[in-house]
N, C-alpha and C. Protein backbone atom coordinates (compact mmCIF):
# COMPACT_ATOMS: atom_id res chain seq x y z
N MET A 1 -42.23 3.15 -33.55
CA MET A 1 -41.75 2.98 -34.58
C MET A 1 -39.68 3.34 -34.83
N SER A 2 -39.71 2.29 -35.86
CA SER A 2 -38.47 2.26 -36.10
C SER A 2 -37.64 3.24 -36.43
N GLN A 3 -36.09 2.99 -36.47
CA GLN A 3 -35.22 3.86 -36.87
C GLN A 3 -35.42 4.06 -38.20
N TRP A 4 -34.93 5.28 -38.83
CA TRP A 4 -34.90 5.30 -40.68
C TRP A 4 -33.46 5.48 -40.40
N PHE A 5 -33.05 4.51 -42.10
CA PHE A 5 -31.66 5.02 -42.03
C PHE A 5 -31.35 5.81 -43.35
N GLU A 6 -30.48 5.81 -43.41
CA GLU A 6 -31.12 7.00 -44.99
C GLU A 6 -29.45 6.96 -45.63
N ALA A 7 -29.53 6.97 -47.10
CA ALA A 7 -28.46 7.19 -47.60
C ALA A 7 -28.69 7.99 -48.78
N THR A 8 -27.60 8.92 -49.32
CA THR A 8 -27.41 9.88 -50.23
C THR A 8 -26.58 9.82 -50.89
N ALA A 9 -26.95 9.73 -52.12
CA ALA A 9 -25.71 10.32 -53.51
C ALA A 9 -25.58 11.27 -54.26
N PRO A 10 -24.60 12.15 -54.89
CA PRO A 10 -24.38 12.37 -55.71
C PRO A 10 -25.14 12.63 -56.82
N ALA A 11 -25.70 13.68 -57.50
CA ALA A 11 -26.13 13.33 -59.18
C ALA A 11 -24.35 13.03 -59.80
N ARG A 12 -24.53 13.20 -61.00
CA ARG A 12 -23.80 13.59 -61.82
C ARG A 12 -23.74 14.09 -63.47
N ILE A 13 -22.75 14.77 -63.92
CA ILE A 13 -22.53 15.33 -65.00
C ILE A 13 -21.86 14.34 -65.97
N ASP A 14 -21.86 13.85 -67.08
CA ASP A 14 -20.61 13.28 -68.40
C ASP A 14 -19.52 14.53 -68.58
N LEU A 15 -18.86 14.02 -68.62
CA LEU A 15 -17.94 14.99 -69.10
C LEU A 15 -17.55 14.41 -70.56
N ALA A 16 -17.32 13.17 -70.73
CA ALA A 16 -17.26 12.04 -72.20
C ALA A 16 -17.67 11.02 -71.93
N GLY A 17 -18.18 10.42 -72.91
CA GLY A 17 -18.56 8.94 -73.46
C GLY A 17 -20.13 8.94 -73.15
N GLY A 18 -20.68 9.95 -72.35
CA GLY A 18 -22.51 9.57 -71.96
C GLY A 18 -22.68 8.81 -72.05
N THR A 19 -23.79 7.75 -73.09
CA THR A 19 -24.48 6.98 -72.71
C THR A 19 -23.64 5.94 -73.29
N LEU A 20 -22.35 5.47 -73.49
CA LEU A 20 -21.49 4.64 -74.16
C LEU A 20 -21.15 3.24 -72.69
N ASP A 21 -21.56 3.56 -71.85
CA ASP A 21 -21.72 2.68 -70.26
C ASP A 21 -22.66 1.81 -70.98
N LEU A 22 -23.87 2.04 -71.54
CA LEU A 22 -24.98 1.23 -71.20
C LEU A 22 -25.23 0.42 -72.50
N TRP A 23 -25.82 -0.76 -72.27
CA TRP A 23 -26.19 -1.44 -73.46
C TRP A 23 -26.92 -1.59 -74.29
N PRO A 24 -27.22 -1.36 -75.22
CA PRO A 24 -25.86 -2.39 -76.30
C PRO A 24 -24.60 -1.59 -76.82
N LEU A 25 -24.71 -0.03 -76.73
CA LEU A 25 -23.46 0.58 -76.80
C LEU A 25 -21.99 0.46 -76.30
N HIS A 26 -21.79 -0.52 -75.29
CA HIS A 26 -20.73 -0.54 -75.24
C HIS A 26 -20.05 -1.97 -75.77
N VAL A 27 -21.29 -2.63 -76.30
CA VAL A 27 -21.10 -3.90 -76.79
C VAL A 27 -20.34 -3.57 -78.18
N LEU A 28 -21.14 -2.11 -78.98
CA LEU A 28 -20.96 -1.72 -80.15
C LEU A 28 -19.61 -0.76 -80.22
N HIS A 29 -18.94 -0.46 -79.19
CA HIS A 29 -17.91 0.15 -79.09
C HIS A 29 -17.01 0.01 -78.06
N PRO A 30 -16.16 -1.41 -78.37
CA PRO A 30 -15.44 -1.65 -77.02
C PRO A 30 -14.03 -1.21 -76.88
N GLY A 31 -14.28 -0.91 -75.68
CA GLY A 31 -12.70 -0.18 -74.77
C GLY A 31 -13.43 1.34 -74.43
N SER A 32 -14.52 1.71 -74.97
CA SER A 32 -15.27 3.01 -74.62
C SER A 32 -14.65 3.22 -73.47
N CYS A 33 -15.11 5.08 -72.84
CA CYS A 33 -15.02 5.24 -71.21
C CYS A 33 -15.88 5.86 -71.06
N THR A 34 -16.38 6.07 -70.14
CA THR A 34 -17.47 7.27 -69.71
C THR A 34 -16.66 7.76 -68.70
N ILE A 35 -16.55 9.59 -68.94
CA ILE A 35 -16.08 10.15 -67.57
C ILE A 35 -16.90 11.18 -67.19
N ASN A 36 -17.23 10.72 -65.74
CA ASN A 36 -18.10 11.71 -64.80
C ASN A 36 -17.83 12.85 -64.04
N VAL A 37 -18.25 13.41 -63.56
CA VAL A 37 -17.86 14.09 -62.29
C VAL A 37 -19.44 14.34 -61.55
N ALA A 38 -18.91 13.93 -59.97
CA ALA A 38 -20.25 14.65 -58.94
C ALA A 38 -20.54 15.88 -59.27
N ILE A 39 -21.42 15.99 -58.91
CA ILE A 39 -22.29 17.21 -58.87
C ILE A 39 -22.94 17.91 -57.14
N ASP A 40 -23.18 19.09 -56.77
CA ASP A 40 -23.83 19.27 -55.28
C ASP A 40 -25.46 19.03 -55.61
N LEU A 41 -26.03 18.32 -56.54
CA LEU A 41 -27.05 17.92 -56.45
C LEU A 41 -27.63 16.86 -56.03
N ARG A 42 -28.23 15.99 -54.96
CA ARG A 42 -28.42 14.72 -54.18
C ARG A 42 -29.08 14.27 -54.22
N ALA A 43 -29.82 12.71 -54.52
CA ALA A 43 -30.67 12.16 -54.36
C ALA A 43 -30.73 11.12 -52.68
N THR A 44 -31.59 11.13 -52.06
CA THR A 44 -31.89 10.78 -50.76
C THR A 44 -32.48 9.77 -50.45
N CYS A 45 -32.83 8.62 -49.98
CA CYS A 45 -33.27 7.48 -50.08
C CYS A 45 -33.41 6.75 -48.19
N ARG A 46 -34.37 7.51 -47.69
CA ARG A 46 -34.83 6.41 -45.95
C ARG A 46 -35.43 5.65 -46.27
N VAL A 47 -35.17 4.53 -45.43
CA VAL A 47 -35.85 2.95 -45.02
C VAL A 47 -35.78 2.89 -43.84
N ARG A 48 -37.08 2.11 -43.27
CA ARG A 48 -36.99 1.73 -41.96
C ARG A 48 -38.12 0.86 -41.98
N GLU A 49 -38.29 -0.38 -41.04
CA GLU A 49 -38.59 -1.55 -41.11
C GLU A 49 -40.38 -0.95 -41.11
N GLY A 50 -41.30 -1.71 -41.57
CA GLY A 50 -42.76 -1.70 -42.06
C GLY A 50 -43.49 -2.65 -41.18
N SER A 51 -45.04 -2.43 -41.20
CA SER A 51 -45.59 -3.45 -40.78
C SER A 51 -46.37 -4.33 -40.88
N THR A 52 -46.33 -3.66 -42.54
CA THR A 52 -47.23 -4.81 -43.57
C THR A 52 -46.72 -4.50 -45.21
N GLY A 53 -46.21 -5.16 -45.90
CA GLY A 53 -46.06 -5.03 -47.31
C GLY A 53 -45.02 -3.71 -47.10
N PHE A 54 -45.29 -2.76 -48.47
CA PHE A 54 -44.43 -1.44 -48.67
C PHE A 54 -44.95 -0.57 -48.85
N ARG A 55 -44.53 0.52 -48.16
CA ARG A 55 -45.18 2.02 -48.35
C ARG A 55 -44.16 2.88 -48.80
N VAL A 56 -44.13 3.25 -50.38
CA VAL A 56 -43.00 4.16 -50.84
C VAL A 56 -43.66 5.67 -50.81
N THR A 57 -43.04 6.62 -50.21
CA THR A 57 -43.50 7.97 -50.37
C THR A 57 -42.54 8.97 -51.00
N VAL A 58 -42.84 9.83 -51.90
CA VAL A 58 -42.18 10.85 -52.33
C VAL A 58 -42.66 12.59 -52.16
N PRO A 59 -42.32 12.67 -51.08
CA PRO A 59 -42.85 13.87 -50.98
C PRO A 59 -42.77 15.11 -51.37
N GLY A 60 -41.78 15.38 -52.16
CA GLY A 60 -41.95 16.27 -53.07
C GLY A 60 -42.73 16.14 -54.42
N LEU A 61 -43.29 15.02 -54.55
CA LEU A 61 -44.14 14.89 -55.64
C LEU A 61 -45.72 14.64 -54.92
N GLY A 62 -45.48 14.18 -54.04
CA GLY A 62 -47.21 14.20 -53.47
C GLY A 62 -47.64 12.95 -53.57
N TYR A 63 -46.79 12.08 -53.69
CA TYR A 63 -46.70 10.68 -53.92
C TYR A 63 -46.07 9.42 -53.24
N GLU A 64 -47.52 8.81 -52.57
CA GLU A 64 -47.41 7.49 -51.61
C GLU A 64 -48.28 6.43 -52.22
N ARG A 65 -47.84 5.43 -52.02
CA ARG A 65 -48.35 4.21 -52.37
C ARG A 65 -47.97 3.05 -51.56
N ALA A 66 -48.78 2.06 -51.18
CA ALA A 66 -48.72 0.93 -50.24
C ALA A 66 -49.01 -0.03 -51.18
N VAL A 67 -48.08 -1.38 -50.58
CA VAL A 67 -48.57 -2.72 -51.50
C VAL A 67 -47.99 -3.38 -50.45
N GLY A 68 -48.53 -5.17 -50.89
CA GLY A 68 -48.45 -6.22 -50.17
C GLY A 68 -46.97 -6.63 -50.76
N GLU A 69 -46.67 -6.46 -51.86
CA GLU A 69 -45.82 -7.35 -52.55
C GLU A 69 -44.97 -6.59 -53.21
N ALA A 70 -43.56 -6.65 -52.99
CA ALA A 70 -42.80 -4.94 -53.86
C ALA A 70 -42.92 -5.02 -55.58
N ARG A 71 -43.18 -6.53 -55.94
CA ARG A 71 -43.49 -6.24 -57.39
C ARG A 71 -44.54 -5.76 -57.72
N GLU A 72 -45.47 -5.29 -57.04
CA GLU A 72 -46.61 -4.69 -57.24
C GLU A 72 -46.11 -2.76 -57.73
N LEU A 73 -45.04 -2.91 -57.14
CA LEU A 73 -44.79 -1.45 -57.36
C LEU A 73 -44.47 -1.42 -58.96
N LEU A 74 -44.03 -2.59 -59.58
CA LEU A 74 -43.43 -2.37 -60.86
C LEU A 74 -44.20 -1.85 -61.82
N ALA A 75 -45.36 -1.75 -61.63
CA ALA A 75 -46.77 -1.49 -62.51
C ALA A 75 -46.85 -0.04 -62.43
N ASP A 76 -46.24 0.79 -61.70
CA ASP A 76 -46.23 2.19 -61.84
C ASP A 76 -45.15 3.13 -61.61
N PRO A 77 -45.06 3.78 -62.66
CA PRO A 77 -43.81 4.64 -63.02
C PRO A 77 -43.15 5.05 -62.06
N ARG A 78 -43.95 5.60 -61.09
CA ARG A 78 -43.52 6.20 -59.93
C ARG A 78 -43.21 5.59 -58.98
N GLY A 79 -43.47 4.34 -58.91
CA GLY A 79 -42.74 3.29 -57.72
C GLY A 79 -41.75 2.53 -58.57
N ALA A 80 -41.52 2.19 -59.75
CA ALA A 80 -40.82 0.99 -60.45
C ALA A 80 -39.62 0.71 -59.81
N LEU A 81 -38.84 2.25 -59.56
CA LEU A 81 -37.49 2.15 -59.45
C LEU A 81 -37.56 1.35 -57.53
N ALA A 82 -38.11 2.08 -56.70
CA ALA A 82 -38.10 1.26 -55.53
C ALA A 82 -38.49 -0.25 -55.73
N GLY A 83 -39.31 -0.72 -56.74
CA GLY A 83 -39.98 -1.97 -56.61
C GLY A 83 -38.73 -2.87 -57.19
N ALA A 84 -38.06 -2.14 -58.28
CA ALA A 84 -36.74 -3.00 -59.01
C ALA A 84 -36.26 -3.35 -58.13
N VAL A 85 -35.70 -2.55 -57.26
CA VAL A 85 -34.51 -2.37 -56.27
C VAL A 85 -34.80 -3.25 -55.20
N LEU A 86 -35.84 -3.49 -54.65
CA LEU A 86 -36.52 -4.13 -53.84
C LEU A 86 -36.17 -5.77 -54.32
N GLU A 87 -36.77 -5.68 -55.08
CA GLU A 87 -37.31 -7.12 -56.30
C GLU A 87 -35.34 -7.74 -56.03
N ALA A 88 -34.88 -6.98 -57.11
CA ALA A 88 -33.10 -7.37 -57.34
C ALA A 88 -32.41 -7.64 -55.89
N LEU A 89 -32.68 -6.86 -54.57
CA LEU A 89 -32.03 -7.55 -53.42
C LEU A 89 -33.26 -8.73 -52.73
N GLU A 90 -34.03 -9.02 -53.64
CA GLU A 90 -35.12 -9.78 -52.76
C GLU A 90 -35.02 -9.41 -51.42
N ILE A 91 -35.52 -8.02 -50.95
CA ILE A 91 -36.01 -7.98 -49.66
C ILE A 91 -37.71 -8.11 -49.91
N ARG A 92 -37.99 -9.11 -48.70
CA ARG A 92 -39.24 -9.47 -48.62
C ARG A 92 -40.21 -9.00 -47.32
N GLU A 93 -39.06 -8.26 -46.09
CA GLU A 93 -39.44 -7.83 -44.98
C GLU A 93 -40.24 -6.69 -45.46
N PRO A 94 -41.40 -6.49 -44.80
CA PRO A 94 -41.83 -4.94 -44.30
C PRO A 94 -41.11 -3.96 -44.32
N ARG A 95 -41.03 -3.03 -45.50
CA ARG A 95 -40.18 -1.56 -45.04
C ARG A 95 -41.26 -0.42 -45.95
N GLU A 96 -40.61 0.94 -45.06
CA GLU A 96 -41.25 1.88 -45.59
C GLU A 96 -39.98 2.60 -46.56
N ILE A 97 -40.62 3.18 -47.41
CA ILE A 97 -39.24 4.01 -48.20
C ILE A 97 -39.67 5.62 -48.40
N GLU A 98 -39.21 5.90 -48.14
CA GLU A 98 -39.09 7.62 -48.52
C GLU A 98 -37.61 8.09 -49.21
N LEU A 99 -38.06 8.70 -50.64
CA LEU A 99 -37.21 8.82 -51.88
C LEU A 99 -37.58 10.76 -52.05
N SER A 100 -36.54 11.35 -52.04
CA SER A 100 -36.04 12.92 -52.11
C SER A 100 -35.20 12.83 -52.93
N SER A 101 -35.06 14.14 -53.81
CA SER A 101 -34.02 14.43 -54.75
C SER A 101 -33.91 15.68 -55.66
N ASP A 102 -32.52 16.01 -55.38
CA ASP A 102 -32.42 17.37 -55.50
C ASP A 102 -32.71 17.55 -57.44
N VAL A 103 -32.34 16.31 -57.72
CA VAL A 103 -32.25 16.81 -59.23
C VAL A 103 -33.24 16.81 -59.96
N PRO A 104 -33.46 17.71 -61.44
CA PRO A 104 -34.90 17.30 -61.70
C PRO A 104 -34.55 15.90 -62.50
N PHE A 105 -36.14 15.51 -62.47
CA PHE A 105 -36.95 14.96 -63.11
C PHE A 105 -36.44 14.49 -65.08
N GLY A 106 -35.90 13.63 -65.32
CA GLY A 106 -35.39 13.99 -66.99
C GLY A 106 -34.67 14.63 -67.11
N SER A 107 -33.53 14.92 -66.08
CA SER A 107 -32.22 15.81 -66.63
C SER A 107 -31.68 15.15 -67.23
N GLY A 108 -31.13 14.10 -67.07
CA GLY A 108 -29.99 13.25 -67.55
C GLY A 108 -28.74 13.64 -66.67
N LEU A 109 -28.80 13.78 -65.40
CA LEU A 109 -27.97 13.88 -64.63
C LEU A 109 -27.71 12.87 -63.52
N GLY A 110 -28.44 11.39 -63.64
CA GLY A 110 -28.66 10.18 -63.12
C GLY A 110 -29.18 10.58 -61.80
N GLY A 111 -29.97 10.99 -61.92
CA GLY A 111 -31.06 11.19 -60.31
C GLY A 111 -31.21 9.66 -60.11
N SER A 112 -31.56 9.03 -61.22
CA SER A 112 -32.46 7.68 -60.56
C SER A 112 -31.12 6.83 -60.24
N SER A 113 -30.20 6.97 -60.64
CA SER A 113 -28.83 5.86 -60.71
C SER A 113 -28.39 6.34 -59.17
N ALA A 114 -28.79 7.72 -58.72
CA ALA A 114 -28.23 8.23 -57.33
C ALA A 114 -28.97 7.79 -56.09
N LEU A 115 -30.04 7.69 -56.66
CA LEU A 115 -31.39 6.87 -55.88
C LEU A 115 -31.45 5.60 -55.44
N THR A 116 -30.49 4.91 -56.47
CA THR A 116 -30.40 3.43 -56.39
C THR A 116 -29.22 3.30 -55.60
N VAL A 117 -28.14 3.68 -55.59
CA VAL A 117 -27.26 3.94 -54.54
C VAL A 117 -27.55 4.01 -53.16
């Protein structure tokens, strides 16, 4: 089996500005600023070459999904983030992806942003 490549990034809290950096709010408030600070909760993504298609696992949630093409992940809310990143980066070669996070789902601490990094 091929070697895993791992990336990890911290979650964040908003000190000021909150969602003013998101469309369309930043358009409605030109010149606005968002001030964030990293916290000690982290998200981790491990990736390695796959044999066929794409396999995404989230061990902490008991989730595993194998598909032939990355765009097939977009229909599943639990795999959509991985599918969107693969599609945006135009990755077509087979990959195994393992996601984990200390960030509580839906907490507003930027867990999906940290996973995307």
